[in-house]
């Protein structure tokens, strides 16, 4: 089956990347996704 991936460290690394660097792109992505879903 393979080796399990530790979820906690990956989640904390992703949240740190979001808070320090990637939040403008992530926020724009979710705003666009909400607009597209709002048209359905």
PDB file of N, CA and C in Angstrom:
ATOM      1  N   UNK A   1       0.813  -1.203   0.000  1.00  0.00           N
ATOM      2  CA  UNK A   1       0.000   0.000   0.000  1.00  0.00           C
ATOM      3  C   UNK A   1       0.849   1.256   0.000  1.00  0.00           C
ATOM      4  N   UNK A   2       2.036   1.188   0.500  1.00  0.00           N
ATOM      5  CA  UNK A   2       2.883   2.361   0.537  1.00  0.00           C
ATOM      6  C   UNK A   2       2.978   2.941   1.935  1.00  0.00           C
ATOM      7  N   UNK A   3       3.706   3.996   2.014  1.00  0.00           N
ATOM      8  CA  UNK A   3       3.935   4.641   3.300  1.00  0.00           C
ATOM      9  C   UNK A   3       2.901   5.748   3.524  1.00  0.00           C
ATOM     10  N   UNK A   4       2.327   5.845   4.712  1.00  0.00           N
ATOM     11  CA  UNK A   4       1.358   6.921   4.953  1.00  0.00           C
ATOM     12  C   UNK A   4       2.036   8.294   4.986  1.00  0.00           C
ATOM     13  N   UNK A   5       1.327   9.285   4.492  1.00  0.00           N
ATOM     14  CA  UNK A   5       1.841  10.650   4.470  1.00  0.00           C
ATOM     15  C   UNK A   5       1.329  11.372   5.712  1.00  0.00           C
ATOM     16  N   UNK A   6       2.197  11.979   6.488  1.00  0.00           N
ATOM     17  CA  UNK A   6       1.734  12.704   7.678  1.00  0.00           C
ATOM     18  C   UNK A   6       0.959  13.959   7.277  1.00  0.00           C
ATOM     19  N   UNK A   7      -0.300  14.018   7.673  1.00  0.00           N
ATOM     20  CA  UNK A   7      -1.179  15.100   7.250  1.00  0.00           C
ATOM     21  C   UNK A   7      -0.889  16.400   8.004  1.00  0.00           C
ATOM     22  N   UNK A   8      -0.593  16.331   9.280  1.00  0.00           N
ATOM     23  CA  UNK A   8      -0.392  17.520  10.105  1.00  0.00           C
ATOM     24  C   UNK A   8       0.725  18.428   9.617  1.00  0.00           C
ATOM     25  N   UNK A   9       1.930  17.902   9.385  1.00  0.00           N
ATOM     26  CA  UNK A   9       3.012  18.772   8.899  1.00  0.00           C
ATOM     27  C   UNK A   9       2.726  19.373   7.520  1.00  0.00           C
ATOM     28  N   UNK A  10       2.078  18.615   6.657  1.00  0.00           N
ATOM     29  CA  UNK A  10       1.741  19.145   5.327  1.00  0.00           C
ATOM     30  C   UNK A  10       0.725  20.274   5.443  1.00  0.00           C
ATOM     31  N   UNK A  11      -0.256  20.114   6.323  1.00  0.00           N
ATOM     32  CA  UNK A  11      -1.264  21.144   6.516  1.00  0.00           C
ATOM     33  C   UNK A  11      -0.654  22.411   7.107  1.00  0.00           C
ATOM     34  N   UNK A  12       0.229  22.252   8.066  1.00  0.00           N
ATOM     35  CA  UNK A  12       0.850  23.433   8.661  1.00  0.00           C
ATOM     36  C   UNK A  12       1.783  24.121   7.667  1.00  0.00           C
ATOM     37  N   UNK A  13       2.478  23.373   6.838  1.00  0.00           N
ATOM     38  CA  UNK A  13       3.338  23.981   5.816  1.00  0.00           C
ATOM     39  C   UNK A  13       2.495  24.733   4.784  1.00  0.00           C
ATOM     40  N   UNK A  14       1.380  24.146   4.375  1.00  0.00           N
ATOM     41  CA  UNK A  14       0.511  24.812   3.402  1.00  0.00           C
ATOM     42  C   UNK A  14      -0.095  26.088   3.982  1.00  0.00           C
ATOM     43  N   UNK A  15      -0.487  26.061   5.241  1.00  0.00           N
ATOM     44  CA  UNK A  15      -1.060  27.264   5.845  1.00  0.00           C
ATOM     45  C   UNK A  15      -0.003  28.354   6.008  1.00  0.00           C
ATOM     46  N   UNK A  16       1.213  27.972   6.299  1.00  0.00           N
ATOM     47  CA  UNK A  16       2.298  28.950   6.408  1.00  0.00           C
ATOM     48  C   UNK A  16       2.606  29.579   5.054  1.00  0.00           C
ATOM     49  N   UNK A  17       2.634  28.769   4.010  1.00  0.00           N
ATOM     50  CA  UNK A  17       2.852  29.294   2.657  1.00  0.00           C
ATOM     51  C   UNK A  17       1.725  30.246   2.277  1.00  0.00           C
ATOM     52  N   UNK A  18       0.480  29.869   2.624  1.00  0.00           N
ATOM     53  CA  UNK A  18      -0.656  30.740   2.324  1.00  0.00           C
ATOM     54  C   UNK A  18      -0.528  32.078   3.049  1.00  0.00           C
ATOM     55  N   UNK A  19      -0.253  32.032   4.338  1.00  0.00           N
ATOM     56  CA  UNK A  19      -0.220  33.264   5.133  1.00  0.00           C
ATOM     57  C   UNK A  19       0.932  34.189   4.746  1.00  0.00           C
ATOM     58  N   UNK A  20       2.070  33.623   4.390  1.00  0.00           N
ATOM     59  CA  UNK A  20       3.243  34.448   4.129  1.00  0.00           C
ATOM     60  C   UNK A  20       3.394  34.894   2.678  1.00  0.00           C
ATOM     61  N   UNK A  21       2.835  34.122   1.724  1.00  0.00           N
ATOM     62  CA  UNK A  21       3.193  34.391   0.343  1.00  0.00           C
ATOM     63  C   UNK A  21       2.044  34.249  -0.653  1.00  0.00           C
ATOM     64  N   UNK A  22       1.235  33.204  -0.544  1.00  0.00           N
ATOM     65  CA  UNK A  22       0.339  32.844  -1.643  1.00  0.00           C
ATOM     66  C   UNK A  22      -1.097  33.330  -1.478  1.00  0.00           C
ATOM     67  N   UNK A  23      -1.414  34.082  -0.441  1.00  0.00           N
ATOM     68  CA  UNK A  23      -2.818  34.429  -0.216  1.00  0.00           C
ATOM     69  C   UNK A  23      -3.462  35.261  -1.327  1.00  0.00           C
ATOM     70  N   UNK A  24      -2.771  36.151  -2.026  1.00  0.00           N
ATOM     71  CA  UNK A  24      -3.463  36.878  -3.104  1.00  0.00           C
ATOM     72  C   UNK A  24      -3.962  35.944  -4.222  1.00  0.00           C
ATOM     73  N   UNK A  25      -3.127  34.982  -4.594  1.00  0.00           N
ATOM     74  CA  UNK A  25      -3.517  34.054  -5.667  1.00  0.00           C
ATOM     75  C   UNK A  25      -4.598  33.081  -5.202  1.00  0.00           C
ATOM     76  N   UNK A  26      -4.497  32.613  -3.983  1.00  0.00           N
ATOM     77  CA  UNK A  26      -5.493  31.674  -3.463  1.00  0.00           C
ATOM     78  C   UNK A  26      -6.837  32.378  -3.296  1.00  0.00           C
ATOM     79  N   UNK A  27      -6.836  33.593  -2.776  1.00  0.00           N
ATOM     80  CA  UNK A  27      -8.080  34.342  -2.615  1.00  0.00           C
ATOM     81  C   UNK A  27      -8.725  34.640  -3.960  1.00  0.00           C
ATOM     82  N   UNK A  28      -7.921  35.003  -4.953  1.00  0.00           N
ATOM     83  CA  UNK A  28      -8.454  35.260  -6.293  1.00  0.00           C
ATOM     84  C   UNK A  28      -9.035  33.998  -6.903  1.00  0.00           C
ATOM     85  N   UNK A  29      -8.388  32.859  -6.692  1.00  0.00           N
ATOM     86  CA  UNK A  29      -8.891  31.589  -7.210  1.00  0.00           C
ATOM     87  C   UNK A  29     -10.254  31.262  -6.619  1.00  0.00           C
ATOM     88  N   UNK A  30     -10.385  31.394  -5.306  1.00  0.00           N
ATOM     89  CA  UNK A  30     -11.659  31.058  -4.675  1.00  0.00           C
ATOM     90  C   UNK A  30     -12.745  32.080  -4.999  1.00  0.00           C
ATOM     91  N   UNK A  31     -12.384  33.335  -5.208  1.00  0.00           N
ATOM     92  CA  UNK A  31     -13.371  34.326  -5.633  1.00  0.00           C
ATOM     93  C   UNK A  31     -13.897  34.002  -7.026  1.00  0.00           C
ATOM     94  N   UNK A  32     -12.997  33.601  -7.908  1.00  0.00           N
ATOM     95  CA  UNK A  32     -13.427  33.224  -9.254  1.00  0.00           C
ATOM     96  C   UNK A  32     -14.268  31.951  -9.229  1.00  0.00           C
ATOM     97  N   UNK A  33     -13.892  31.008  -8.409  1.00  0.00           N
ATOM     98  CA  UNK A  33     -14.668  29.778  -8.274  1.00  0.00           C
ATOM     99  C   UNK A  33     -16.063  30.073  -7.731  1.00  0.00           C
ATOM    100  N   UNK A  34     -16.175  30.961  -6.769  1.00  0.00           N
ATOM    101  CA  UNK A  34     -17.474  31.329  -6.208  1.00  0.00           C
ATOM    102  C   UNK A  34     -18.326  32.026  -7.270  1.00  0.00           C
ATOM    103  N   UNK A  35     -17.707  32.856  -8.106  1.00  0.00           N
ATOM    104  CA  UNK A  35     -18.454  33.534  -9.174  1.00  0.00           C
ATOM    105  C   UNK A  35     -18.973  32.532 -10.192  1.00  0.00           C
ATOM    106  N   UNK A  36     -18.157  31.555 -10.537  1.00  0.00           N
ATOM    107  CA  UNK A  36     -18.581  30.539 -11.513  1.00  0.00           C
ATOM    108  C   UNK A  36     -19.699  29.677 -10.926  1.00  0.00           C
ATOM    109  N   UNK A  37     -19.565  29.294  -9.682  1.00  0.00           N
ATOM    110  CA  UNK A  37     -20.609  28.480  -9.046  1.00  0.00           C
ATOM    111  C   UNK A  37     -21.879  29.288  -8.807  1.00  0.00           C
ATOM    112  N   UNK A  38     -21.742  30.596  -8.655  1.00  0.00           N
ATOM    113  CA  UNK A  38     -22.902  31.442  -8.483  1.00  0.00           C
ATOM    114  C   UNK A  38     -23.736  31.575  -9.753  1.00  0.00           C
ATOM    115  N   UNK A  39     -23.120  31.320 -10.903  1.00  0.00           N
ATOM    116  CA  UNK A  39     -23.836  31.388 -12.171  1.00  0.00           C
ATOM    117  C   UNK A  39     -24.641  30.134 -12.451  1.00  0.00           C
ATOM    118  N   UNK A  40     -24.367  29.062 -11.717  1.00  0.00           N
ATOM    119  CA  UNK A  40     -25.061  27.788 -11.976  1.00  0.00           C
ATOM    120  C   UNK A  40     -26.462  27.827 -11.408  1.00  0.00           C
TER     121      UNK A  40
END
